[in-house]
């Protein structure tokens, strides 16, 4: 039976929070990381990189806008949820777990992509 654990960190996580997130991610089949304006907070990008370095599969969900992907282009699966209301989170979860297929295109240009 699948299990899940959540790790809550601040918008600008400190080293202890980053380490706790990475340790929690180690050995997991899948880790979902939600970012909130991560392109403006370098510590969020560091958290994503450290979690990815554990070897677990990582999906990043940008909760506010799609620009966070530019700070960690090495992450292969990235979803722009455009909000953190229940409907946004449900739609993102449906994508992650294959209940719906991704469609659409970003309404903005992100340099380098």
N, C-alpha and C. Protein backbone atom coordinates (compact mmCIF):
# COMPACT_ATOMS: atom_id res chain seq x y z
N UNK A 1 0.83 -1.18 0.00
CA UNK A 1 0.00 0.00 0.00
C UNK A 1 0.88 1.25 0.00
N UNK A 2 0.60 2.18 -0.89
CA UNK A 2 1.40 3.41 -0.95
C UNK A 2 1.27 4.21 0.34
N UNK A 3 2.35 4.86 0.69
CA UNK A 3 2.34 5.75 1.84
C UNK A 3 2.84 7.12 1.40
N UNK A 4 2.48 8.12 2.15
CA UNK A 4 2.93 9.48 1.84
C UNK A 4 3.31 10.18 3.14
N UNK A 5 4.18 11.13 2.99
CA UNK A 5 4.62 11.94 4.12
C UNK A 5 4.78 13.36 3.60
N UNK A 6 4.39 14.33 4.40
CA UNK A 6 4.62 15.70 3.96
C UNK A 6 5.69 16.35 4.82
N UNK A 7 6.45 17.18 4.17
CA UNK A 7 7.49 17.96 4.83
C UNK A 7 7.21 19.41 4.48
N UNK A 8 6.94 20.21 5.48
CA UNK A 8 6.61 21.62 5.26
C UNK A 8 7.84 22.45 5.58
N UNK A 9 8.17 23.35 4.67
CA UNK A 9 9.31 24.25 4.86
C UNK A 9 8.84 25.68 4.61
N UNK A 10 9.66 26.63 4.99
CA UNK A 10 9.33 28.04 4.75
C UNK A 10 9.56 28.39 3.28
N UNK A 11 9.10 29.56 2.89
CA UNK A 11 9.29 29.98 1.51
C UNK A 11 10.77 30.12 1.16
N UNK A 12 11.56 30.46 2.15
CA UNK A 12 13.01 30.52 1.97
C UNK A 12 13.62 29.55 2.98
N UNK A 13 13.63 28.25 2.65
CA UNK A 13 14.05 27.24 3.63
C UNK A 13 15.50 27.40 4.06
N UNK A 14 15.74 27.13 5.34
CA UNK A 14 17.11 27.17 5.85
C UNK A 14 17.77 25.80 5.63
N UNK A 15 19.02 25.70 5.98
CA UNK A 15 19.78 24.47 5.75
C UNK A 15 19.14 23.28 6.45
N UNK A 16 18.66 23.47 7.65
CA UNK A 16 18.03 22.38 8.40
C UNK A 16 16.78 21.86 7.68
N UNK A 17 15.97 22.78 7.16
CA UNK A 17 14.77 22.38 6.43
C UNK A 17 15.12 21.67 5.12
N UNK A 18 16.12 22.18 4.43
CA UNK A 18 16.55 21.55 3.18
C UNK A 18 17.05 20.13 3.45
N UNK A 19 17.86 20.00 4.49
CA UNK A 19 18.39 18.68 4.86
C UNK A 19 17.27 17.72 5.24
N UNK A 20 16.30 18.19 6.00
CA UNK A 20 15.17 17.34 6.40
C UNK A 20 14.38 16.88 5.18
N UNK A 21 14.18 17.77 4.22
CA UNK A 21 13.45 17.40 3.01
C UNK A 21 14.23 16.36 2.21
N UNK A 22 15.53 16.55 2.09
CA UNK A 22 16.35 15.58 1.35
C UNK A 22 16.37 14.22 2.05
N UNK A 23 16.49 14.23 3.36
CA UNK A 23 16.49 12.96 4.09
C UNK A 23 15.15 12.25 3.95
N UNK A 24 14.07 12.99 3.98
CA UNK A 24 12.74 12.40 3.83
C UNK A 24 12.55 11.83 2.42
N UNK A 25 13.18 12.45 1.44
CA UNK A 25 13.05 12.00 0.04
C UNK A 25 13.83 10.74 -0.26
N UNK A 26 14.90 10.51 0.47
CA UNK A 26 15.79 9.38 0.20
C UNK A 26 15.03 8.05 0.24
N UNK A 27 15.16 7.28 -0.84
CA UNK A 27 14.55 5.97 -0.91
C UNK A 27 13.09 5.96 -1.33
N UNK A 28 12.53 7.11 -1.62
CA UNK A 28 11.12 7.19 -2.04
C UNK A 28 11.01 6.87 -3.52
N UNK A 29 9.90 6.27 -3.91
CA UNK A 29 9.64 6.01 -5.32
C UNK A 29 9.37 7.31 -6.06
N UNK A 30 8.69 8.23 -5.40
CA UNK A 30 8.31 9.49 -6.02
C UNK A 30 8.29 10.57 -4.96
N UNK A 31 8.82 11.73 -5.32
CA UNK A 31 8.79 12.90 -4.43
C UNK A 31 8.18 14.05 -5.22
N UNK A 32 7.17 14.67 -4.65
CA UNK A 32 6.53 15.83 -5.26
C UNK A 32 6.93 17.04 -4.44
N UNK A 33 7.52 18.02 -5.12
CA UNK A 33 7.95 19.24 -4.45
C UNK A 33 7.14 20.39 -5.00
N UNK A 34 6.47 21.11 -4.11
CA UNK A 34 5.75 22.31 -4.52
C UNK A 34 6.62 23.52 -4.28
N UNK A 35 6.71 24.38 -5.29
CA UNK A 35 7.47 25.62 -5.14
C UNK A 35 6.51 26.80 -5.19
N UNK A 36 6.94 27.90 -4.59
CA UNK A 36 6.13 29.12 -4.56
C UNK A 36 7.05 30.29 -4.87
N UNK A 37 7.05 30.70 -6.12
CA UNK A 37 7.96 31.74 -6.59
C UNK A 37 9.41 31.34 -6.34
N UNK A 38 9.73 30.09 -6.61
CA UNK A 38 11.07 29.57 -6.39
C UNK A 38 12.14 30.28 -7.17
N UNK A 39 11.78 30.90 -8.27
CA UNK A 39 12.77 31.64 -9.05
C UNK A 39 13.23 32.90 -8.31
N UNK A 40 12.48 33.31 -7.30
CA UNK A 40 12.86 34.47 -6.49
C UNK A 40 13.55 34.09 -5.18
N UNK A 41 13.51 32.79 -4.84
CA UNK A 41 14.07 32.30 -3.57
C UNK A 41 15.08 31.20 -3.86
N UNK A 42 16.37 31.52 -3.92
CA UNK A 42 17.40 30.53 -4.27
C UNK A 42 17.38 29.30 -3.37
N UNK A 43 16.96 29.43 -2.13
CA UNK A 43 16.94 28.27 -1.23
C UNK A 43 15.91 27.24 -1.67
N UNK A 44 14.83 27.67 -2.33
CA UNK A 44 13.87 26.70 -2.86
C UNK A 44 14.51 25.87 -3.96
N UNK A 45 15.26 26.52 -4.83
CA UNK A 45 15.95 25.79 -5.90
C UNK A 45 16.97 24.83 -5.32
N UNK A 46 17.66 25.24 -4.26
CA UNK A 46 18.62 24.35 -3.60
C UNK A 46 17.91 23.14 -3.01
N UNK A 47 16.75 23.34 -2.42
CA UNK A 47 15.97 22.23 -1.88
C UNK A 47 15.61 21.25 -3.00
N UNK A 48 15.14 21.76 -4.12
CA UNK A 48 14.78 20.89 -5.25
C UNK A 48 16.00 20.10 -5.70
N UNK A 49 17.13 20.75 -5.85
CA UNK A 49 18.35 20.06 -6.29
C UNK A 49 18.78 18.98 -5.29
N UNK A 50 18.73 19.30 -4.00
CA UNK A 50 19.14 18.32 -2.99
C UNK A 50 18.19 17.13 -2.94
N UNK A 51 16.92 17.38 -3.09
CA UNK A 51 15.95 16.28 -3.14
C UNK A 51 16.22 15.42 -4.37
N UNK A 52 16.45 16.04 -5.51
CA UNK A 52 16.74 15.28 -6.74
C UNK A 52 18.03 14.48 -6.60
N UNK A 53 18.99 14.99 -5.86
CA UNK A 53 20.28 14.31 -5.70
C UNK A 53 20.14 13.01 -4.91
N UNK A 54 19.02 12.79 -4.24
CA UNK A 54 18.83 11.55 -3.49
C UNK A 54 18.60 10.37 -4.42
N UNK A 55 18.30 10.63 -5.69
CA UNK A 55 18.04 9.56 -6.64
C UNK A 55 16.58 9.20 -6.77
N UNK A 56 15.72 9.78 -5.94
CA UNK A 56 14.29 9.54 -6.07
C UNK A 56 13.75 10.30 -7.28
N UNK A 57 12.69 9.76 -7.89
CA UNK A 57 12.03 10.49 -8.98
C UNK A 57 11.37 11.73 -8.39
N UNK A 58 11.54 12.86 -9.06
CA UNK A 58 11.04 14.13 -8.55
C UNK A 58 10.10 14.78 -9.57
N UNK A 59 8.97 15.23 -9.07
CA UNK A 59 8.04 16.06 -9.83
C UNK A 59 7.97 17.39 -9.10
N UNK A 60 8.16 18.47 -9.82
CA UNK A 60 8.04 19.80 -9.22
C UNK A 60 6.73 20.42 -9.70
N UNK A 61 5.97 20.94 -8.74
CA UNK A 61 4.73 21.64 -9.06
C UNK A 61 4.90 23.08 -8.62
N UNK A 62 4.91 23.98 -9.60
CA UNK A 62 5.00 25.41 -9.30
C UNK A 62 3.61 25.89 -8.92
N UNK A 63 3.46 26.35 -7.72
CA UNK A 63 2.15 26.73 -7.22
C UNK A 63 1.69 28.11 -7.69
N UNK A 64 2.59 28.99 -7.99
CA UNK A 64 2.20 30.37 -8.33
C UNK A 64 2.28 30.64 -9.83
N UNK A 65 3.45 30.48 -10.41
CA UNK A 65 3.64 30.80 -11.82
C UNK A 65 4.67 29.85 -12.40
N UNK A 66 4.81 29.81 -13.72
CA UNK A 66 5.68 28.81 -14.34
C UNK A 66 7.17 29.13 -14.35
N UNK A 67 7.58 30.27 -13.85
CA UNK A 67 8.97 30.70 -13.99
C UNK A 67 9.97 29.89 -13.16
N UNK A 68 9.49 29.18 -12.16
CA UNK A 68 10.40 28.42 -11.31
C UNK A 68 11.22 27.40 -12.10
N UNK A 69 10.67 26.86 -13.17
CA UNK A 69 11.37 25.83 -13.94
C UNK A 69 12.72 26.32 -14.45
N UNK A 70 12.86 27.61 -14.66
CA UNK A 70 14.13 28.14 -15.16
C UNK A 70 15.26 28.01 -14.15
N UNK A 71 14.95 27.81 -12.87
CA UNK A 71 15.99 27.71 -11.86
C UNK A 71 16.50 26.29 -11.66
N UNK A 72 15.77 25.30 -12.16
CA UNK A 72 16.23 23.91 -12.06
C UNK A 72 15.78 23.14 -13.29
N UNK A 73 16.36 23.48 -14.46
CA UNK A 73 15.96 22.83 -15.72
C UNK A 73 16.31 21.35 -15.77
N UNK A 74 17.13 20.88 -14.83
CA UNK A 74 17.50 19.46 -14.84
C UNK A 74 16.36 18.57 -14.35
N UNK A 75 15.33 19.13 -13.77
CA UNK A 75 14.18 18.34 -13.33
C UNK A 75 13.34 18.00 -14.56
N UNK A 76 13.08 16.72 -14.76
CA UNK A 76 12.40 16.28 -15.97
C UNK A 76 10.90 16.45 -15.98
N UNK A 77 10.26 16.47 -14.81
CA UNK A 77 8.81 16.58 -14.77
C UNK A 77 8.43 17.81 -13.96
N UNK A 78 7.72 18.69 -14.62
CA UNK A 78 7.42 19.99 -14.05
C UNK A 78 5.99 20.37 -14.43
N UNK A 79 5.21 20.78 -13.45
CA UNK A 79 3.82 21.18 -13.67
C UNK A 79 3.63 22.60 -13.15
N UNK A 80 3.00 23.43 -13.95
CA UNK A 80 2.64 24.78 -13.50
C UNK A 80 1.18 24.73 -13.08
N UNK A 81 0.94 24.87 -11.77
CA UNK A 81 -0.43 24.76 -11.24
C UNK A 81 -1.15 26.11 -11.19
N UNK A 82 -0.41 27.20 -11.21
CA UNK A 82 -0.98 28.55 -11.20
C UNK A 82 -1.85 28.84 -9.98
N UNK A 83 -1.63 28.17 -8.89
CA UNK A 83 -2.37 28.46 -7.66
C UNK A 83 -2.31 27.28 -6.72
N UNK A 84 -2.76 27.48 -5.50
CA UNK A 84 -2.72 26.41 -4.53
C UNK A 84 -4.09 26.16 -3.91
N UNK A 85 -5.12 26.51 -4.65
CA UNK A 85 -6.48 26.16 -4.22
C UNK A 85 -6.69 24.67 -4.44
N UNK A 86 -7.73 24.16 -3.86
CA UNK A 86 -8.04 22.74 -3.97
C UNK A 86 -8.12 22.28 -5.43
N UNK A 87 -8.75 23.07 -6.29
CA UNK A 87 -8.91 22.66 -7.69
C UNK A 87 -7.56 22.58 -8.39
N UNK A 88 -6.63 23.49 -8.07
CA UNK A 88 -5.30 23.45 -8.67
C UNK A 88 -4.55 22.20 -8.23
N UNK A 89 -4.61 21.89 -6.94
CA UNK A 89 -3.90 20.72 -6.41
C UNK A 89 -4.48 19.42 -6.93
N UNK A 90 -5.79 19.35 -7.04
CA UNK A 90 -6.42 18.13 -7.58
C UNK A 90 -6.00 17.91 -9.04
N UNK A 91 -6.01 18.98 -9.82
CA UNK A 91 -5.62 18.86 -11.23
C UNK A 91 -4.16 18.43 -11.35
N UNK A 92 -3.29 18.99 -10.52
CA UNK A 92 -1.88 18.59 -10.55
C UNK A 92 -1.72 17.13 -10.16
N UNK A 93 -2.44 16.70 -9.14
CA UNK A 93 -2.36 15.29 -8.71
C UNK A 93 -2.86 14.36 -9.81
N UNK A 94 -3.92 14.74 -10.49
CA UNK A 94 -4.42 13.92 -11.59
C UNK A 94 -3.38 13.78 -12.69
N UNK A 95 -2.63 14.83 -12.95
CA UNK A 95 -1.53 14.76 -13.93
C UNK A 95 -0.43 13.83 -13.45
N UNK A 96 0.00 14.02 -12.21
CA UNK A 96 1.10 13.22 -11.67
C UNK A 96 0.78 11.74 -11.70
N UNK A 97 -0.44 11.39 -11.35
CA UNK A 97 -0.79 9.97 -11.24
C UNK A 97 -1.48 9.42 -12.48
N UNK A 98 -1.42 10.16 -13.60
CA UNK A 98 -1.86 9.63 -14.88
C UNK A 98 -3.35 9.55 -15.10
N UNK A 99 -4.13 10.24 -14.31
CA UNK A 99 -5.58 10.21 -14.50
C UNK A 99 -6.02 11.10 -15.65
N UNK A 100 -5.22 12.10 -15.98
CA UNK A 100 -5.47 12.96 -17.13
C UNK A 100 -4.15 13.17 -17.86
N UNK A 101 -4.26 13.48 -19.12
CA UNK A 101 -3.06 13.75 -19.93
C UNK A 101 -2.80 15.26 -19.93
N UNK A 102 -1.54 15.65 -19.91
CA UNK A 102 -1.24 17.09 -19.96
C UNK A 102 -1.57 17.65 -21.34
N UNK A 103 -2.17 18.81 -21.36
CA UNK A 103 -2.49 19.52 -22.60
C UNK A 103 -2.21 20.99 -22.39
N UNK A 104 -2.12 21.71 -23.46
CA UNK A 104 -1.94 23.14 -23.35
C UNK A 104 -0.50 23.55 -23.52
N UNK A 105 -0.31 24.83 -23.41
CA UNK A 105 1.01 25.42 -23.56
C UNK A 105 1.12 26.58 -22.59
N UNK A 106 2.34 26.89 -22.21
CA UNK A 106 2.55 28.02 -21.32
C UNK A 106 2.10 29.31 -22.00
N UNK A 107 1.43 30.17 -21.27
CA UNK A 107 0.99 31.45 -21.85
C UNK A 107 2.08 32.52 -21.84
N UNK A 108 3.27 32.15 -21.40
CA UNK A 108 4.39 33.08 -21.33
C UNK A 108 5.62 32.41 -21.94
N UNK A 109 6.61 33.23 -22.25
CA UNK A 109 7.87 32.71 -22.73
C UNK A 109 8.84 32.65 -21.56
N UNK A 110 9.50 31.50 -21.42
CA UNK A 110 10.51 31.35 -20.37
C UNK A 110 11.86 31.22 -21.06
N UNK A 111 12.76 32.18 -20.83
CA UNK A 111 14.07 32.13 -21.48
C UNK A 111 14.77 30.78 -21.26
N UNK A 112 15.31 30.25 -22.31
CA UNK A 112 16.04 28.99 -22.24
C UNK A 112 15.20 27.75 -22.48
N UNK A 113 13.89 27.91 -22.56
CA UNK A 113 13.03 26.74 -22.81
C UNK A 113 12.39 26.83 -24.17
